[in-house]
N, C-alpha and C. Protein backbone atom coordinates (compact mmCIF):
# COMPACT_ATOMS: atom_id res chain seq x y z
N UNK A 1 -79.85 -178.59 -16.18
CA UNK A 1 -79.07 -177.59 -16.96
C UNK A 1 -78.73 -178.08 -18.20
N UNK A 2 -78.12 -177.81 -19.03
CA UNK A 2 -77.76 -178.12 -20.51
C UNK A 2 -76.73 -178.48 -20.37
N UNK A 3 -75.91 -179.42 -21.19
CA UNK A 3 -74.70 -180.36 -21.13
C UNK A 3 -73.90 -179.46 -21.29
N UNK A 4 -72.64 -178.95 -20.70
CA UNK A 4 -71.50 -178.08 -21.72
C UNK A 4 -71.17 -177.37 -22.81
N UNK A 5 -71.79 -179.36 -23.57
CA UNK A 5 -71.57 -179.23 -25.01
C UNK A 5 -72.12 -178.51 -25.99
N UNK A 6 -73.58 -178.12 -25.15
CA UNK A 6 -75.03 -178.15 -25.92
C UNK A 6 -74.99 -176.48 -25.45
N UNK A 7 -74.01 -176.16 -24.59
CA UNK A 7 -74.37 -174.52 -24.27
C UNK A 7 -73.47 -173.65 -25.55
N UNK A 8 -74.67 -171.98 -25.54
CA UNK A 8 -74.11 -171.27 -26.36
C UNK A 8 -72.96 -170.68 -26.08
N UNK A 9 -72.34 -170.53 -27.18
CA UNK A 9 -70.82 -169.10 -26.13
C UNK A 9 -71.09 -168.16 -25.38
N UNK A 10 -72.12 -167.59 -25.33
CA UNK A 10 -72.24 -166.72 -24.36
C UNK A 10 -72.23 -167.17 -22.72
N UNK A 11 -72.99 -168.55 -23.08
CA UNK A 11 -72.83 -169.39 -21.69
C UNK A 11 -71.68 -169.71 -21.06
N UNK A 12 -71.25 -170.13 -22.30
CA UNK A 12 -69.43 -170.60 -21.50
C UNK A 12 -68.67 -169.52 -21.84
N UNK A 13 -68.58 -168.55 -22.27
CA UNK A 13 -67.77 -167.31 -21.48
C UNK A 13 -67.88 -166.75 -20.12
N UNK A 14 -69.60 -166.73 -19.77
CA UNK A 14 -69.95 -166.28 -18.95
C UNK A 14 -69.74 -167.61 -17.40
N UNK A 15 -69.03 -168.39 -17.39
CA UNK A 15 -69.29 -169.62 -17.09
C UNK A 15 -67.59 -169.67 -16.26
N UNK A 16 -67.45 -169.49 -17.59
CA UNK A 16 -65.45 -169.51 -17.90
C UNK A 16 -65.15 -168.17 -17.10
N UNK A 17 -66.11 -166.71 -17.09
CA UNK A 17 -65.66 -165.52 -16.29
C UNK A 17 -65.54 -165.71 -14.68
N UNK A 18 -67.35 -166.74 -14.54
CA UNK A 18 -67.15 -167.05 -13.09
C UNK A 18 -65.85 -168.08 -12.37
N UNK A 19 -65.38 -169.09 -13.10
CA UNK A 19 -64.63 -169.54 -12.51
C UNK A 19 -63.25 -168.71 -12.52
N UNK A 20 -63.04 -168.17 -12.54
CA UNK A 20 -61.63 -167.00 -13.32
C UNK A 20 -61.59 -166.11 -11.91
N UNK A 21 -62.94 -165.23 -11.59
CA UNK A 21 -63.01 -164.72 -10.45
C UNK A 21 -62.91 -165.45 -9.54
N UNK A 22 -63.31 -166.40 -8.92
CA UNK A 22 -63.41 -167.55 -8.03
C UNK A 22 -61.70 -168.05 -7.78
N UNK A 23 -61.44 -167.91 -9.13
CA UNK A 23 -59.77 -168.24 -8.81
C UNK A 23 -58.30 -167.35 -8.55
N UNK A 24 -59.49 -166.20 -9.25
CA UNK A 24 -58.42 -164.45 -8.71
C UNK A 24 -58.97 -164.42 -7.31
N UNK A 25 -59.89 -164.83 -6.85
CA UNK A 25 -60.46 -164.91 -5.14
C UNK A 25 -59.41 -165.24 -3.85
N UNK A 26 -58.36 -166.72 -4.06
CA UNK A 26 -57.88 -167.00 -3.94
C UNK A 26 -59.09 -167.73 -2.40
N UNK A 27 -60.07 -168.05 -3.04
CA UNK A 27 -60.64 -168.46 -1.97
C UNK A 27 -60.67 -170.20 -1.94
N UNK A 28 -59.98 -170.93 -2.56
CA UNK A 28 -60.72 -172.23 -2.94
C UNK A 28 -58.68 -172.95 -2.36
N UNK A 29 -58.95 -174.05 -1.93
CA UNK A 29 -57.57 -174.89 -1.29
C UNK A 29 -57.07 -175.25 -2.99
N UNK A 30 -55.64 -176.21 -2.68
CA UNK A 30 -55.21 -176.15 -4.09
C UNK A 30 -55.92 -176.50 -5.11
N UNK A 31 -56.50 -178.10 -4.16
CA UNK A 31 -57.35 -179.66 -5.21
C UNK A 31 -58.53 -178.63 -5.80
N UNK A 32 -59.07 -177.70 -5.64
CA UNK A 32 -60.34 -177.34 -5.60
C UNK A 32 -59.62 -176.67 -7.44
N UNK A 33 -58.81 -176.03 -6.88
CA UNK A 33 -58.69 -174.84 -7.86
C UNK A 33 -57.87 -175.68 -9.22
N UNK A 34 -57.48 -176.43 -8.93
CA UNK A 34 -56.99 -177.34 -9.77
C UNK A 34 -58.12 -177.59 -10.67
N UNK A 35 -59.11 -178.66 -9.87
CA UNK A 35 -60.22 -178.89 -11.02
C UNK A 35 -61.14 -177.26 -11.78
N UNK A 36 -60.83 -176.29 -10.89
CA UNK A 36 -61.72 -175.31 -11.59
C UNK A 36 -61.15 -174.66 -12.77
N UNK A 37 -59.83 -175.12 -12.54
CA UNK A 37 -58.65 -174.69 -13.79
C UNK A 37 -59.01 -176.03 -14.87
N UNK A 38 -59.03 -176.84 -14.10
CA UNK A 38 -58.94 -178.22 -15.73
C UNK A 38 -60.60 -177.31 -15.84
N UNK A 39 -61.54 -177.20 -16.11
CA UNK A 39 -62.73 -177.23 -16.29
C UNK A 39 -62.89 -176.14 -17.13
N UNK A 40 -62.21 -175.15 -16.77
CA UNK A 40 -61.73 -173.62 -17.55
C UNK A 40 -60.77 -173.78 -18.53
N UNK A 41 -60.39 -174.76 -18.76
CA UNK A 41 -59.52 -174.82 -19.63
C UNK A 41 -60.10 -176.26 -20.75
N UNK A 42 -61.60 -177.20 -20.09
CA UNK A 42 -62.27 -177.65 -20.70
C UNK A 42 -63.32 -176.34 -21.74
N UNK A 43 -63.92 -175.01 -20.98
CA UNK A 43 -64.70 -174.62 -21.62
C UNK A 43 -64.18 -173.34 -22.08
N UNK A 44 -62.74 -173.46 -22.42
CA UNK A 44 -61.55 -172.65 -23.71
C UNK A 44 -61.60 -173.48 -24.43
N UNK A 45 -61.24 -174.79 -24.53
CA UNK A 45 -61.52 -175.41 -25.76
C UNK A 45 -62.35 -175.25 -26.49
N UNK A 46 -63.63 -175.89 -25.84
CA UNK A 46 -65.31 -175.12 -26.47
C UNK A 46 -65.34 -174.20 -26.81
N UNK A 47 -64.80 -172.96 -26.41
CA UNK A 47 -65.23 -171.77 -26.77
C UNK A 47 -64.36 -171.49 -28.23
N UNK A 48 -63.05 -172.04 -28.56
CA UNK A 48 -62.61 -171.86 -29.32
C UNK A 48 -62.36 -172.65 -30.66
N UNK A 49 -63.45 -173.92 -30.46
CA UNK A 49 -64.09 -174.53 -31.06
C UNK A 49 -65.21 -173.96 -32.01
N UNK A 50 -66.09 -173.22 -31.08
CA UNK A 50 -67.16 -172.92 -31.46
C UNK A 50 -66.85 -171.31 -32.27
N UNK A 51 -65.53 -170.52 -31.72
CA UNK A 51 -65.09 -170.09 -32.84
C UNK A 51 -64.70 -170.01 -34.11
N UNK A 52 -63.72 -171.20 -34.25
CA UNK A 52 -63.96 -171.81 -35.40
C UNK A 52 -64.84 -171.84 -36.15
N UNK A 53 -65.44 -172.44 -35.65
CA UNK A 53 -66.73 -173.02 -36.94
C UNK A 53 -67.44 -171.69 -37.19
N UNK A 54 -67.75 -170.44 -36.69
CA UNK A 54 -68.45 -169.50 -36.77
C UNK A 54 -67.10 -168.90 -37.63
N UNK A 55 -65.98 -168.39 -37.39
CA UNK A 55 -64.96 -168.18 -38.38
C UNK A 55 -65.13 -168.43 -39.93
N UNK A 56 -65.55 -170.17 -39.92
CA UNK A 56 -65.59 -170.27 -40.96
C UNK A 56 -66.63 -170.32 -42.23
N UNK A 57 -67.78 -170.55 -40.93
CA UNK A 57 -69.01 -169.94 -41.90
C UNK A 57 -69.29 -168.49 -42.53
N UNK A 58 -68.33 -167.69 -41.47
CA UNK A 58 -68.39 -166.42 -41.82
C UNK A 58 -67.66 -165.96 -42.93
N UNK A 59 -66.34 -166.49 -43.23
CA UNK A 59 -65.54 -166.60 -44.29
C UNK A 59 -65.88 -167.28 -45.54
N UNK A 60 -67.32 -168.00 -46.13
CA UNK A 60 -67.95 -168.43 -47.07
C UNK A 60 -68.76 -167.02 -47.84
N UNK A 61 -68.91 -167.24 -48.91
CA UNK A 61 -70.33 -166.63 -49.37
C UNK A 61 -70.47 -167.39 -50.03
N UNK A 62 -71.79 -166.71 -50.95
CA UNK A 62 -72.58 -167.17 -51.51
C UNK A 62 -72.34 -166.79 -53.59
N UNK A 63 -72.13 -167.87 -53.99
CA UNK A 63 -72.39 -167.83 -55.16
C UNK A 63 -73.55 -167.38 -56.05
N UNK A 64 -73.35 -166.72 -57.49
CA UNK A 64 -74.74 -166.53 -57.83
C UNK A 64 -75.47 -167.87 -58.24
N UNK A 65 -75.34 -168.97 -57.99
CA UNK A 65 -75.50 -169.98 -58.56
C UNK A 65 -76.21 -171.03 -57.14
N UNK A 66 -75.73 -170.48 -55.92
CA UNK A 66 -75.91 -170.71 -54.57
C UNK A 66 -75.27 -171.51 -54.28
N UNK A 67 -74.18 -171.50 -54.77
CA UNK A 67 -73.15 -172.37 -53.82
C UNK A 67 -71.89 -171.56 -52.85
N UNK A 68 -71.71 -172.49 -51.74
CA UNK A 68 -70.46 -171.36 -50.79
C UNK A 68 -69.21 -171.98 -51.38
N UNK A 69 -68.72 -170.76 -50.98
CA UNK A 69 -66.85 -170.81 -52.03
C UNK A 69 -66.53 -169.70 -50.53
N UNK A 70 -65.13 -169.99 -50.32
CA UNK A 70 -64.12 -169.39 -49.79
C UNK A 70 -64.45 -167.89 -50.05
N UNK A 71 -64.27 -167.16 -48.87
CA UNK A 71 -64.14 -165.89 -49.16
C UNK A 71 -62.51 -165.57 -49.57
N UNK A 72 -62.03 -165.07 -50.67
CA UNK A 72 -60.81 -164.54 -50.88
C UNK A 72 -60.80 -163.07 -51.02
N UNK A 73 -59.15 -162.59 -50.09
CA UNK A 73 -59.39 -161.12 -49.83
C UNK A 73 -57.90 -160.87 -51.15
N UNK A 74 -58.44 -159.84 -51.90
CA UNK A 74 -57.08 -159.73 -52.99
C UNK A 74 -56.13 -159.02 -52.43
N UNK A 75 -55.03 -159.13 -51.27
CA UNK A 75 -54.51 -158.03 -51.75
C UNK A 75 -53.68 -157.85 -52.97
N UNK A 76 -53.69 -155.84 -53.03
CA UNK A 76 -53.01 -155.66 -53.80
C UNK A 76 -51.37 -154.87 -54.08
């Protein structure tokens, strides 16, 4: 299996969903629940970083000369 850092956003979200379902079921003891919660928080951080990177990429526009610049919304 790939390292967590190398997983795609969707894979991480699926993993997070499974952890949440498991925690909500109440079938884990306290120590196991804490371990799962800690792992979930690590996944949330990685997902957030991936989303920030994607947002930065989407907020760039290509100028006519081929350079990227920040996209600015002009408010009226």
